Amino acid sequence: MTGPLSAPDTLLLGRWDAEARFRMIARTTPLQATARREVGARLTAAGDDHPWHGVTFSAGWGTRLPLPHVPVEPALVAEVAADTSVDDAGLYRHPVRFLRLRDDIGADSVPPLP
């Protein structure tokens, strides 16, 4: 996530792939104030063993500036609205819109990326 842990600005969404690598698949648009508080209350900062610890993501298309982020425990499932523009690696080309956390789905029940 980006921004403060207690009220994130955006979420960096990831999924496990078939080789057990945690891959970034999307970044959300800026969260609404209510969502920032609700999601922030549920996030837990990850330790140094998180797959994205020390990884640098680009701040945007056409820039090499790094995106400051805080890895969090990959324990929550987010429902998002997205267009169909996905690259060959499964990464959404455009930011996705956060809709809600899915408490009815555990992170371990999300199928891996092919």
PDB file of N, CA and C in Angstrom:
ATOM      1  N   MET A   1       0.832  -1.158   0.000  1.00  0.00           N
ATOM      2  CA  MET A   1       0.000   0.000   0.000  1.00  0.00           C
ATOM      3  C   MET A   1       0.883   1.229   0.000  1.00  0.00           C
ATOM      4  N   THR A   2       0.298   2.349  -0.393  1.00  0.00           N
ATOM      5  CA  THR A   2       1.039   3.600  -0.348  1.00  0.00           C
ATOM      6  C   THR A   2       0.376   4.505   0.676  1.00  0.00           C
ATOM      7  N   GLY A   3       1.145   5.449   1.192  1.00  0.00           N
ATOM      8  CA  GLY A   3       0.613   6.344   2.209  1.00  0.00           C
ATOM      9  C   GLY A   3       0.738   5.735   3.590  1.00  0.00           C
ATOM     10  N   PRO A   4       0.041   6.341   4.560  1.00  0.00           N
ATOM     11  CA  PRO A   4       0.142   5.840   5.940  1.00  0.00           C
ATOM     12  C   PRO A   4      -0.607   4.513   6.118  1.00  0.00           C
ATOM     13  N   LEU A   5      -0.065   3.638   6.931  1.00  0.00           N
ATOM     14  CA  LEU A   5      -0.668   2.326   7.166  1.00  0.00           C
ATOM     15  C   LEU A   5      -2.090   2.443   7.706  1.00  0.00           C
ATOM     16  N   SER A   6      -2.345   3.416   8.563  1.00  0.00           N
ATOM     17  CA  SER A   6      -3.663   3.550   9.181  1.00  0.00           C
ATOM     18  C   SER A   6      -4.724   4.095   8.229  1.00  0.00           C
ATOM     19  N   ALA A   7      -4.314   4.695   7.113  1.00  0.00           N
ATOM     20  CA  ALA A   7      -5.255   5.256   6.137  1.00  0.00           C
ATOM     21  C   ALA A   7      -4.562   5.310   4.777  1.00  0.00           C
ATOM     22  N   PRO A   8      -4.427   4.161   4.103  1.00  0.00           N
ATOM     23  CA  PRO A   8      -3.651   4.109   2.865  1.00  0.00           C
ATOM     24  C   PRO A   8      -4.235   4.977   1.755  1.00  0.00           C
ATOM     25  N   ASP A   9      -3.337   5.508   0.930  1.00  0.00           N
ATOM     26  CA  ASP A   9      -3.762   6.287  -0.234  1.00  0.00           C
ATOM     27  C   ASP A   9      -4.228   5.363  -1.359  1.00  0.00           C
ATOM     28  N   THR A  10      -3.408   4.368  -1.676  1.00  0.00           N
ATOM     29  CA  THR A  10      -3.735   3.387  -2.712  1.00  0.00           C
ATOM     30  C   THR A  10      -3.312   2.011  -2.226  1.00  0.00           C
ATOM     31  N   LEU A  11      -3.829   0.989  -2.888  1.00  0.00           N
ATOM     32  CA  LEU A  11      -3.452  -0.387  -2.584  1.00  0.00           C
ATOM     33  C   LEU A  11      -2.693  -0.968  -3.764  1.00  0.00           C
ATOM     34  N   LEU A  12      -1.656  -1.713  -3.478  1.00  0.00           N
ATOM     35  CA  LEU A  12      -0.935  -2.483  -4.487  1.00  0.00           C
ATOM     36  C   LEU A  12      -1.423  -3.916  -4.324  1.00  0.00           C
ATOM     37  N   LEU A  13      -2.071  -4.430  -5.351  1.00  0.00           N
ATOM     38  CA  LEU A  13      -2.718  -5.732  -5.253  1.00  0.00           C
ATOM     39  C   LEU A  13      -1.846  -6.814  -5.858  1.00  0.00           C
ATOM     40  N   GLY A  14      -1.781  -7.930  -5.189  1.00  0.00           N
ATOM     41  CA  GLY A  14      -0.955  -9.028  -5.658  1.00  0.00           C
ATOM     42  C   GLY A  14      -1.700 -10.343  -5.647  1.00  0.00           C
ATOM     43  N   ARG A  15      -1.189 -11.274  -6.420  1.00  0.00           N
ATOM     44  CA  ARG A  15      -1.690 -12.658  -6.428  1.00  0.00           C
ATOM     45  C   ARG A  15      -0.498 -13.588  -6.540  1.00  0.00           C
ATOM     46  N   TRP A  16      -0.665 -14.753  -5.950  1.00  0.00           N
ATOM     47  CA  TRP A  16       0.347 -15.797  -6.085  1.00  0.00           C
ATOM     48  C   TRP A  16       0.233 -16.391  -7.475  1.00  0.00           C
ATOM     49  N   ASP A  17       1.356 -16.789  -8.049  1.00  0.00           N
ATOM     50  CA  ASP A  17       1.310 -17.478  -9.335  1.00  0.00           C
ATOM     51  C   ASP A  17       1.526 -18.975  -9.116  1.00  0.00           C
ATOM     52  N   ALA A  18       1.533 -19.721 -10.194  1.00  0.00           N
ATOM     53  CA  ALA A  18       1.651 -21.183 -10.115  1.00  0.00           C
ATOM     54  C   ALA A  18       2.988 -21.630  -9.531  1.00  0.00           C
ATOM     55  N   GLU A  19       4.015 -20.760  -9.583  1.00  0.00           N
ATOM     56  CA  GLU A  19       5.325 -21.088  -9.017  1.00  0.00           C
ATOM     57  C   GLU A  19       5.509 -20.528  -7.620  1.00  0.00           C
ATOM     58  N   ALA A  20       4.416 -20.122  -6.968  1.00  0.00           N
ATOM     59  CA  ALA A  20       4.410 -19.600  -5.595  1.00  0.00           C
ATOM     60  C   ALA A  20       5.172 -18.282  -5.453  1.00  0.00           C
ATOM     61  N   ARG A  21       5.139 -17.443  -6.519  1.00  0.00           N
ATOM     62  CA  ARG A  21       5.695 -16.090  -6.449  1.00  0.00           C
ATOM     63  C   ARG A  21       4.528 -15.124  -6.265  1.00  0.00           C
ATOM     64  N   PHE A  22       4.697 -14.143  -5.397  1.00  0.00           N
ATOM     65  CA  PHE A  22       3.657 -13.144  -5.150  1.00  0.00           C
ATOM     66  C   PHE A  22       3.891 -11.992  -6.121  1.00  0.00           C
ATOM     67  N   ARG A  23       2.995 -11.868  -7.100  1.00  0.00           N
ATOM     68  CA  ARG A  23       3.184 -10.899  -8.172  1.00  0.00           C
ATOM     69  C   ARG A  23       2.203  -9.744  -8.060  1.00  0.00           C
ATOM     70  N   MET A  24       2.688  -8.543  -8.295  1.00  0.00           N
ATOM     71  CA  MET A  24       1.804  -7.383  -8.320  1.00  0.00           C
ATOM     72  C   MET A  24       0.966  -7.453  -9.587  1.00  0.00           C
ATOM     73  N   ILE A  25      -0.348  -7.278  -9.422  1.00  0.00           N
ATOM     74  CA  ILE A  25      -1.221  -7.310 -10.593  1.00  0.00           C
ATOM     75  C   ILE A  25      -1.939  -5.987 -10.841  1.00  0.00           C
ATOM     76  N   ALA A  26      -2.031  -5.122  -9.819  1.00  0.00           N
ATOM     77  CA  ALA A  26      -2.750  -3.863 -10.019  1.00  0.00           C
ATOM     78  C   ALA A  26      -2.442  -2.877  -8.906  1.00  0.00           C
ATOM     79  N   ARG A  27      -2.708  -1.627  -9.219  1.00  0.00           N
ATOM     80  CA  ARG A  27      -2.680  -0.546  -8.230  1.00  0.00           C
ATOM     81  C   ARG A  27      -4.042   0.123  -8.294  1.00  0.00           C
ATOM     82  N   THR A  28      -4.587   0.437  -7.137  1.00  0.00           N
ATOM     83  CA  THR A  28      -5.900   1.076  -7.129  1.00  0.00           C
ATOM     84  C   THR A  28      -5.776   2.573  -7.388  1.00  0.00           C
ATOM     85  N   THR A  29      -6.886   3.158  -7.782  1.00  0.00           N
ATOM     86  CA  THR A  29      -6.995   4.606  -7.792  1.00  0.00           C
ATOM     87  C   THR A  29      -6.984   5.052  -6.336  1.00  0.00           C
ATOM     88  N   PRO A  30      -6.811   6.340  -6.058  1.00  0.00           N
ATOM     89  CA  PRO A  30      -6.833   6.786  -4.660  1.00  0.00           C
ATOM     90  C   PRO A  30      -8.130   6.374  -3.962  1.00  0.00           C
ATOM     91  N   LEU A  31      -7.987   5.874  -2.750  1.00  0.00           N
ATOM     92  CA  LEU A  31      -9.141   5.406  -1.984  1.00  0.00           C
ATOM     93  C   LEU A  31      -9.949   6.581  -1.436  1.00  0.00           C
ATOM     94  N   GLN A  32     -11.250   6.375  -1.338  1.00  0.00           N
ATOM     95  CA  GLN A  32     -12.123   7.352  -0.696  1.00  0.00           C
ATOM     96  C   GLN A  32     -11.818   7.359   0.806  1.00  0.00           C
ATOM     97  N   ALA A  33     -12.157   8.446   1.488  1.00  0.00           N
ATOM     98  CA  ALA A  33     -11.831   8.602   2.914  1.00  0.00           C
ATOM     99  C   ALA A  33     -12.379   7.466   3.761  1.00  0.00           C
ATOM    100  N   THR A  34     -13.618   7.058   3.511  1.00  0.00           N
ATOM    101  CA  THR A  34     -14.218   5.962   4.284  1.00  0.00           C
ATOM    102  C   THR A  34     -13.448   4.667   4.075  1.00  0.00           C
ATOM    103  N   ALA A  35     -13.108   4.366   2.828  1.00  0.00           N
ATOM    104  CA  ALA A  35     -12.356   3.145   2.522  1.00  0.00           C
ATOM    105  C   ALA A  35     -10.965   3.202   3.135  1.00  0.00           C
ATOM    106  N   ARG A  36     -10.342   4.370   3.140  1.00  0.00           N
ATOM    107  CA  ARG A  36      -9.009   4.507   3.737  1.00  0.00           C
ATOM    108  C   ARG A  36      -9.043   4.108   5.210  1.00  0.00           C
ATOM    109  N   ARG A  37     -10.040   4.582   5.917  1.00  0.00           N
ATOM    110  CA  ARG A  37     -10.141   4.250   7.348  1.00  0.00           C
ATOM    111  C   ARG A  37     -10.464   2.768   7.550  1.00  0.00           C
ATOM    112  N   GLU A  38     -11.432   2.251   6.801  1.00  0.00           N
ATOM    113  CA  GLU A  38     -11.844   0.850   6.972  1.00  0.00           C
ATOM    114  C   GLU A  38     -10.720  -0.120   6.611  1.00  0.00           C
ATOM    115  N   VAL A  39     -10.064   0.131   5.495  1.00  0.00           N
ATOM    116  CA  VAL A  39      -8.974  -0.755   5.079  1.00  0.00           C
ATOM    117  C   VAL A  39      -7.781  -0.595   6.017  1.00  0.00           C
ATOM    118  N   GLY A  40      -7.456   0.641   6.361  1.00  0.00           N
ATOM    119  CA  GLY A  40      -6.326   0.891   7.252  1.00  0.00           C
ATOM    120  C   GLY A  40      -6.460   0.192   8.589  1.00  0.00           C
ATOM    121  N   ALA A  41      -7.682   0.074   9.076  1.00  0.00           N
ATOM    122  CA  ALA A  41      -7.919  -0.607  10.352  1.00  0.00           C
ATOM    123  C   ALA A  41      -7.649  -2.108  10.258  1.00  0.00           C
ATOM    124  N   ARG A  42      -7.595  -2.649   9.054  1.00  0.00           N
ATOM    125  CA  ARG A  42      -7.443  -4.088   8.863  1.00  0.00           C
ATOM    126  C   ARG A  42      -6.043  -4.507   8.398  1.00  0.00           C
ATOM    127  N   LEU A  43      -5.226  -3.552   7.997  1.00  0.00           N
ATOM    128  CA  LEU A  43      -3.903  -3.884   7.460  1.00  0.00           C
ATOM    129  C   LEU A  43      -2.882  -4.104   8.566  1.00  0.00           C
ATOM    130  N   THR A  44      -1.959  -5.014   8.293  1.00  0.00           N
ATOM    131  CA  THR A  44      -0.841  -5.286   9.196  1.00  0.00           C
ATOM    132  C   THR A  44       0.442  -5.194   8.382  1.00  0.00           C
ATOM    133  N   ALA A  45       1.359  -4.376   8.839  1.00  0.00           N
ATOM    134  CA  ALA A  45       2.646  -4.263   8.144  1.00  0.00           C
ATOM    135  C   ALA A  45       3.332  -5.624   8.117  1.00  0.00           C
ATOM    136  N   ALA A  46       3.937  -5.931   6.988  1.00  0.00           N
ATOM    137  CA  ALA A  46       4.643  -7.202   6.836  1.00  0.00           C
ATOM    138  C   ALA A  46       6.071  -7.069   7.332  1.00  0.00           C
ATOM    139  N   GLY A  47       6.653  -8.187   7.650  1.00  0.00           N
ATOM    140  CA  GLY A  47       8.053  -8.212   8.073  1.00  0.00           C
ATOM    141  C   GLY A  47       8.989  -8.261   6.879  1.00  0.00           C
ATOM    142  N   ASP A  48      10.250  -8.425   7.174  1.00  0.00           N
ATOM    143  CA  ASP A  48      11.278  -8.467   6.135  1.00  0.00           C
ATOM    144  C   ASP A  48      11.149  -9.686   5.220  1.00  0.00           C
ATOM    145  N   ASP A  49      10.338 -10.669   5.599  1.00  0.00           N
ATOM    146  CA  ASP A  49      10.189 -11.864   4.783  1.00  0.00           C
ATOM    147  C   ASP A  49       9.121 -11.707   3.696  1.00  0.00           C
ATOM    148  N   HIS A  50       8.457 -10.542   3.624  1.00  0.00           N
ATOM    149  CA  HIS A  50       7.448 -10.315   2.586  1.00  0.00           C
ATOM    150  C   HIS A  50       8.133 -10.335   1.221  1.00  0.00           C
ATOM    151  N   PRO A  51       7.517 -10.966   0.215  1.00  0.00           N
ATOM    152  CA  PRO A  51       8.148 -11.046  -1.111  1.00  0.00           C
ATOM    153  C   PRO A  51       8.459  -9.686  -1.741  1.00  0.00           C
ATOM    154  N   TRP A  52       7.769  -8.636  -1.332  1.00  0.00           N
ATOM    155  CA  TRP A  52       8.010  -7.319  -1.923  1.00  0.00           C
ATOM    156  C   TRP A  52       8.914  -6.442  -1.059  1.00  0.00           C
ATOM    157  N   HIS A  53       9.458  -6.976   0.026  1.00  0.00           N
ATOM    158  CA  HIS A  53      10.383  -6.194   0.842  1.00  0.00           C
ATOM    159  C   HIS A  53      11.631  -5.904   0.007  1.00  0.00           C
ATOM    160  N   GLY A  54      11.954  -4.635  -0.147  1.00  0.00           N
ATOM    161  CA  GLY A  54      13.112  -4.237  -0.930  1.00  0.00           C
ATOM    162  C   GLY A  54      12.869  -4.158  -2.421  1.00  0.00           C
ATOM    163  N   VAL A  55      11.659  -4.471  -2.872  1.00  0.00           N
ATOM    164  CA  VAL A  55      11.320  -4.398  -4.294  1.00  0.00           C
ATOM    165  C   VAL A  55      10.910  -2.964  -4.623  1.00  0.00           C
ATOM    166  N   THR A  56      11.296  -2.494  -5.797  1.00  0.00           N
ATOM    167  CA  THR A  56      10.927  -1.155  -6.244  1.00  0.00           C
ATOM    168  C   THR A  56       9.904  -1.262  -7.360  1.00  0.00           C
ATOM    169  N   PHE A  57       8.818  -0.513  -7.224  1.00  0.00           N
ATOM    170  CA  PHE A  57       7.807  -0.412  -8.274  1.00  0.00           C
ATOM    171  C   PHE A  57       7.887   0.979  -8.873  1.00  0.00           C
ATOM    172  N   SER A  58       7.527   1.102 -10.132  1.00  0.00           N
ATOM    173  CA  SER A  58       7.531   2.398 -10.800  1.00  0.00           C
ATOM    174  C   SER A  58       6.338   3.227 -10.325  1.00  0.00           C
ATOM    175  N   ALA A  59       6.565   4.534 -10.176  1.00  0.00           N
ATOM    176  CA  ALA A  59       5.502   5.433  -9.727  1.00  0.00           C
ATOM    177  C   ALA A  59       4.451   5.642 -10.809  1.00  0.00           C
ATOM    178  N   GLY A  60       4.757   5.341 -12.050  1.00  0.00           N
ATOM    179  CA  GLY A  60       3.770   5.497 -13.130  1.00  0.00           C
ATOM    180  C   GLY A  60       4.383   5.223 -14.481  1.00  0.00           C
ATOM    181  N   TRP A  61       3.513   5.162 -15.499  1.00  0.00           N
ATOM    182  CA  TRP A  61       3.967   4.925 -16.864  1.00  0.00           C
ATOM    183  C   TRP A  61       4.895   6.048 -17.286  1.00  0.00           C
ATOM    184  N   GLY A  62       5.982   5.697 -17.945  1.00  0.00           N
ATOM    185  CA  GLY A  62       6.897   6.671 -18.498  1.00  0.00           C
ATOM    186  C   GLY A  62       7.831   7.317 -17.489  1.00  0.00           C
ATOM    187  N   THR A  63       7.881   6.814 -16.275  1.00  0.00           N
ATOM    188  CA  THR A  63       8.782   7.380 -15.267  1.00  0.00           C
ATOM    189  C   THR A  63       9.590   6.262 -14.626  1.00  0.00           C
ATOM    190  N   ARG A  64      10.757   6.609 -14.188  1.00  0.00           N
ATOM    191  CA  ARG A  64      11.597   5.657 -13.460  1.00  0.00           C
ATOM    192  C   ARG A  64      11.601   5.965 -11.968  1.00  0.00           C
ATOM    193  N   LEU A  65      10.797   6.946 -11.574  1.00  0.00           N
ATOM    194  CA  LEU A  65      10.720   7.285 -10.156  1.00  0.00           C
ATOM    195  C   LEU A  65      10.138   6.113  -9.377  1.00  0.00           C
ATOM    196  N   PRO A  66      10.731   5.783  -8.232  1.00  0.00           N
ATOM    197  CA  PRO A  66      10.191   4.669  -7.436  1.00  0.00           C
ATOM    198  C   PRO A  66       8.910   5.079  -6.716  1.00  0.00           C
ATOM    199  N   LEU A  67       8.051   4.113  -6.520  1.00  0.00           N
ATOM    200  CA  LEU A  67       6.801   4.310  -5.789  1.00  0.00           C
ATOM    201  C   LEU A  67       7.034   3.904  -4.337  1.00  0.00           C
ATOM    202  N   PRO A  68       7.038   4.854  -3.406  1.00  0.00           N
ATOM    203  CA  PRO A  68       7.198   4.474  -1.999  1.00  0.00           C
ATOM    204  C   PRO A  68       5.992   3.626  -1.561  1.00  0.00           C
ATOM    205  N   HIS A  69       6.276   2.476  -0.974  1.00  0.00           N
ATOM    206  CA  HIS A  69       5.181   1.602  -0.542  1.00  0.00           C
ATOM    207  C   HIS A  69       5.565   0.879   0.740  1.00  0.00           C
ATOM    208  N   VAL A  70       4.544   0.366   1.404  1.00  0.00           N
ATOM    209  CA  VAL A  70       4.719  -0.410   2.626  1.00  0.00           C
ATOM    210  C   VAL A  70       4.138  -1.797   2.370  1.00  0.00           C
ATOM    211  N   PRO A  71       4.956  -2.845   2.363  1.00  0.00           N
ATOM    212  CA  PRO A  71       4.397  -4.190   2.212  1.00  0.00           C
ATOM    213  C   PRO A  71       3.541  -4.545   3.434  1.00  0.00           C
ATOM    214  N   VAL A  72       2.378  -5.115   3.176  1.00  0.00           N
ATOM    215  CA  VAL A  72       1.492  -5.558   4.251  1.00  0.00           C
ATOM    216  C   VAL A  72       1.258  -7.057   4.106  1.00  0.00           C
ATOM    217  N   GLU A  73       0.801  -7.667   5.188  1.00  0.00           N
ATOM    218  CA  GLU A  73       0.511  -9.100   5.143  1.00  0.00           C
ATOM    219  C   GLU A  73      -0.546  -9.369   4.070  1.00  0.00           C
ATOM    220  N   PRO A  74      -0.290 -10.312   3.171  1.00  0.00           N
ATOM    221  CA  PRO A  74      -1.243 -10.611   2.091  1.00  0.00           C
ATOM    222  C   PRO A  74      -2.378 -11.521   2.577  1.00  0.00           C
ATOM    223  N   ALA A  75      -3.178 -11.008   3.501  1.00  0.00           N
ATOM    224  CA  ALA A  75      -4.212 -11.825   4.123  1.00  0.00           C
ATOM    225  C   ALA A  75      -5.631 -11.407   3.756  1.00  0.00           C
ATOM    226  N   LEU A  76      -5.783 -10.280   3.044  1.00  0.00           N
ATOM    227  CA  LEU A  76      -7.108  -9.771   2.723  1.00  0.00           C
ATOM    228  C   LEU A  76      -7.375  -9.897   1.228  1.00  0.00           C
ATOM    229  N   VAL A  77      -8.647 -10.031   0.884  1.00  0.00           N
ATOM    230  CA  VAL A  77      -9.063 -10.098  -0.516  1.00  0.00           C
ATOM    231  C   VAL A  77      -9.867  -8.844  -0.817  1.00  0.00           C
ATOM    232  N   ALA A  78      -9.479  -8.153  -1.881  1.00  0.00           N
ATOM    233  CA  ALA A  78     -10.167  -6.936  -2.294  1.00  0.00           C
ATOM    234  C   ALA A  78     -10.979  -7.199  -3.547  1.00  0.00           C
ATOM    235  N   GLU A  79     -12.182  -6.657  -3.573  1.00  0.00           N
ATOM    236  CA  GLU A  79     -12.989  -6.664  -4.785  1.00  0.00           C
ATOM    237  C   GLU A  79     -12.750  -5.327  -5.476  1.00  0.00           C
ATOM    238  N   VAL A  80     -12.495  -5.384  -6.778  1.00  0.00           N
ATOM    239  CA  VAL A  80     -12.195  -4.175  -7.531  1.00  0.00           C
ATOM    240  C   VAL A  80     -13.009  -4.139  -8.821  1.00  0.00           C
ATOM    241  N   ALA A  81     -13.127  -2.949  -9.381  1.00  0.00           N
ATOM    242  CA  ALA A  81     -13.698  -2.772 -10.719  1.00  0.00           C
ATOM    243  C   ALA A  81     -12.531  -2.414 -11.634  1.00  0.00           C
ATOM    244  N   ALA A  82     -12.435  -3.116 -12.752  1.00  0.00           N
ATOM    245  CA  ALA A  82     -11.306  -2.915 -13.651  1.00  0.00           C
ATOM    246  C   ALA A  82     -11.761  -3.029 -15.093  1.00  0.00           C
ATOM    247  N   ASP A  83     -10.999  -2.392 -15.985  1.00  0.00           N
ATOM    248  CA  ASP A  83     -11.283  -2.591 -17.403  1.00  0.00           C
ATOM    249  C   ASP A  83     -10.601  -3.881 -17.844  1.00  0.00           C
ATOM    250  N   THR A  84     -10.676  -4.188 -19.091  1.00  0.00           N
ATOM    251  CA  THR A  84     -10.153  -5.470 -19.576  1.00  0.00           C
ATOM    252  C   THR A  84      -8.734  -5.386 -20.103  1.00  0.00           C
ATOM    253  N   SER A  85      -8.070  -4.270 -19.899  1.00  0.00           N
ATOM    254  CA  SER A  85      -6.716  -4.104 -20.409  1.00  0.00           C
ATOM    255  C   SER A  85      -5.716  -4.739 -19.447  1.00  0.00           C
ATOM    256  N   VAL A  86      -5.356  -5.988 -19.741  1.00  0.00           N
ATOM    257  CA  VAL A  86      -4.422  -6.761 -18.921  1.00  0.00           C
ATOM    258  C   VAL A  86      -3.299  -7.238 -19.833  1.00  0.00           C
ATOM    259  N   ASP A  87      -2.050  -7.105 -19.378  1.00  0.00           N
ATOM    260  CA  ASP A  87      -0.935  -7.546 -20.218  1.00  0.00           C
ATOM    261  C   ASP A  87      -0.742  -9.054 -20.116  1.00  0.00           C
ATOM    262  N   ASP A  88       0.238  -9.570 -20.833  1.00  0.00           N
ATOM    263  CA  ASP A  88       0.468 -11.016 -20.889  1.00  0.00           C
ATOM    264  C   ASP A  88       0.862 -11.609 -19.538  1.00  0.00           C
ATOM    265  N   ALA A  89       1.392 -10.789 -18.641  1.00  0.00           N
ATOM    266  CA  ALA A  89       1.801 -11.269 -17.322  1.00  0.00           C
ATOM    267  C   ALA A  89       0.664 -11.200 -16.303  1.00  0.00           C
ATOM    268  N   GLY A  90      -0.522 -10.710 -16.721  1.00  0.00           N
ATOM    269  CA  GLY A  90      -1.653 -10.618 -15.811  1.00  0.00           C
ATOM    270  C   GLY A  90      -1.744  -9.311 -15.061  1.00  0.00           C
ATOM    271  N   LEU A  91      -0.934  -8.306 -15.449  1.00  0.00           N
ATOM    272  CA  LEU A  91      -0.930  -7.006 -14.786  1.00  0.00           C
ATOM    273  C   LEU A  91      -1.945  -6.085 -15.455  1.00  0.00           C
ATOM    274  N   TYR A  92      -2.828  -5.500 -14.646  1.00  0.00           N
ATOM    275  CA  TYR A  92      -3.783  -4.530 -15.181  1.00  0.00           C
ATOM    276  C   TYR A  92      -3.020  -3.297 -15.621  1.00  0.00           C
ATOM    277  N   ARG A  93      -3.267  -2.849 -16.832  1.00  0.00           N
ATOM    278  CA  ARG A  93      -2.538  -1.707 -17.395  1.00  0.00           C
ATOM    279  C   ARG A  93      -2.994  -0.385 -16.793  1.00  0.00           C
ATOM    280  N   HIS A  94      -4.226  -0.327 -16.319  1.00  0.00           N
ATOM    281  CA  HIS A  94      -4.779   0.904 -15.752  1.00  0.00           C
ATOM    282  C   HIS A  94      -5.117   0.677 -14.284  1.00  0.00           C
ATOM    283  N   PRO A  95      -5.107   1.753 -13.494  1.00  0.00           N
ATOM    284  CA  PRO A  95      -5.496   1.582 -12.087  1.00  0.00           C
ATOM    285  C   PRO A  95      -6.908   1.007 -11.974  1.00  0.00           C
ATOM    286  N   VAL A  96      -7.116   0.213 -10.949  1.00  0.00           N
ATOM    287  CA  VAL A  96      -8.428  -0.387 -10.694  1.00  0.00           C
ATOM    288  C   VAL A  96      -9.106   0.383  -9.559  1.00  0.00           C
ATOM    289  N   ARG A  97     -10.424   0.287  -9.500  1.00  0.00           N
ATOM    290  CA  ARG A  97     -11.173   0.998  -8.455  1.00  0.00           C
ATOM    291  C   ARG A  97     -11.529   0.017  -7.349  1.00  0.00           C
ATOM    292  N   PHE A  98     -11.107   0.331  -6.120  1.00  0.00           N
ATOM    293  CA  PHE A  98     -11.408  -0.494  -4.956  1.00  0.00           C
ATOM    294  C   PHE A  98     -12.904  -0.399  -4.655  1.00  0.00           C
ATOM    295  N   LEU A  99     -13.544  -1.560  -4.467  1.00  0.00           N
ATOM    296  CA  LEU A  99     -14.958  -1.588  -4.116  1.00  0.00           C
ATOM    297  C   LEU A  99     -15.169  -1.929  -2.649  1.00  0.00           C
ATOM    298  N   ARG A 100     -14.522  -3.031  -2.201  1.00  0.00           N
ATOM    299  CA  ARG A 100     -14.694  -3.455  -0.809  1.00  0.00           C
ATOM    300  C   ARG A 100     -13.730  -4.597  -0.504  1.00  0.00           C
ATOM    301  N   LEU A 101     -13.566  -4.854   0.795  1.00  0.00           N
ATOM    302  CA  LEU A 101     -12.857  -6.050   1.226  1.00  0.00           C
ATOM    303  C   LEU A 101     -13.849  -7.195   1.235  1.00  0.00           C
ATOM    304  N   ARG A 102     -13.402  -8.363   0.852  1.00  0.00           N
ATOM    305  CA  ARG A 102     -14.264  -9.546   0.797  1.00  0.00           C
ATOM    306  C   ARG A 102     -13.971 -10.439   1.994  1.00  0.00           C
ATOM    307  N   ASP A 103     -14.723 -10.242   3.060  1.00  0.00           N
ATOM    308  CA  ASP A 103     -14.543 -11.062   4.259  1.00  0.00           C
ATOM    309  C   ASP A 103     -15.031 -12.492   4.062  1.00  0.00           C
ATOM    310  N   ASP A 104     -15.823 -12.718   3.015  1.00  0.00           N
ATOM    311  CA  ASP A 104     -16.355 -14.053   2.751  1.00  0.00           C
ATOM    312  C   ASP A 104     -15.391 -14.930   1.955  1.00  0.00           C
ATOM    313  N   ILE A 105     -14.259 -14.368   1.554  1.00  0.00           N
ATOM    314  CA  ILE A 105     -13.274 -15.119   0.765  1.00  0.00           C
ATOM    315  C   ILE A 105     -11.918 -15.001   1.452  1.00  0.00           C
ATOM    316  N   GLY A 106     -11.310 -16.119   1.733  1.00  0.00           N
ATOM    317  CA  GLY A 106      -9.972 -16.113   2.312  1.00  0.00           C
ATOM    318  C   GLY A 106      -8.919 -15.993   1.247  1.00  0.00           C
ATOM    319  N   ALA A 107      -7.806 -15.380   1.570  1.00  0.00           N
ATOM    320  CA  ALA A 107      -6.730 -15.206   0.600  1.00  0.00           C
ATOM    321  C   ALA A 107      -6.250 -16.546   0.044  1.00  0.00           C
ATOM    322  N   ASP A 108      -6.341 -17.599   0.842  1.00  0.00           N
ATOM    323  CA  ASP A 108      -5.896 -18.918   0.382  1.00  0.00           C
ATOM    324  C   ASP A 108      -6.857 -19.560  -0.622  1.00  0.00           C
ATOM    325  N   SER A 109      -8.051 -18.990  -0.799  1.00  0.00           N
ATOM    326  CA  SER A 109      -9.011 -19.560  -1.765  1.00  0.00           C
ATOM    327  C   SER A 109      -8.951 -18.862  -3.127  1.00  0.00           C
ATOM    328  N   VAL A 110      -8.120 -17.819  -3.266  1.00  0.00           N
ATOM    329  CA  VAL A 110      -7.958 -17.159  -4.564  1.00  0.00           C
ATOM    330  C   VAL A 110      -7.047 -18.021  -5.408  1.00  0.00           C
ATOM    331  N   PRO A 111      -7.513 -18.442  -6.593  1.00  0.00           N
ATOM    332  CA  PRO A 111      -6.675 -19.312  -7.414  1.00  0.00           C
ATOM    333  C   PRO A 111      -5.407 -18.605  -7.880  1.00  0.00           C
ATOM    334  N   PRO A 112      -4.320 -19.355  -8.049  1.00  0.00           N
ATOM    335  CA  PRO A 112      -3.072 -18.721  -8.503  1.00  0.00           C
ATOM    336  C   PRO A 112      -3.189 -18.262  -9.945  1.00  0.00           C
ATOM    337  N   LEU A 113      -2.350 -17.292 -10.291  1.00  0.00           N
ATOM    338  CA  LEU A 113      -2.241 -16.872 -11.685  1.00  0.00           C
ATOM    339  C   LEU A 113      -1.670 -18.029 -12.495  1.00  0.00           C
ATOM    340  N   PRO A 114      -2.081 -18.156 -13.738  1.00  0.00           N
ATOM    341  CA  PRO A 114      -1.510 -19.249 -14.571  1.00  0.00           C
ATOM    342  C   PRO A 114      -0.050 -19.029 -14.872  1.00  0.00           C
TER     343      PRO A 114
END
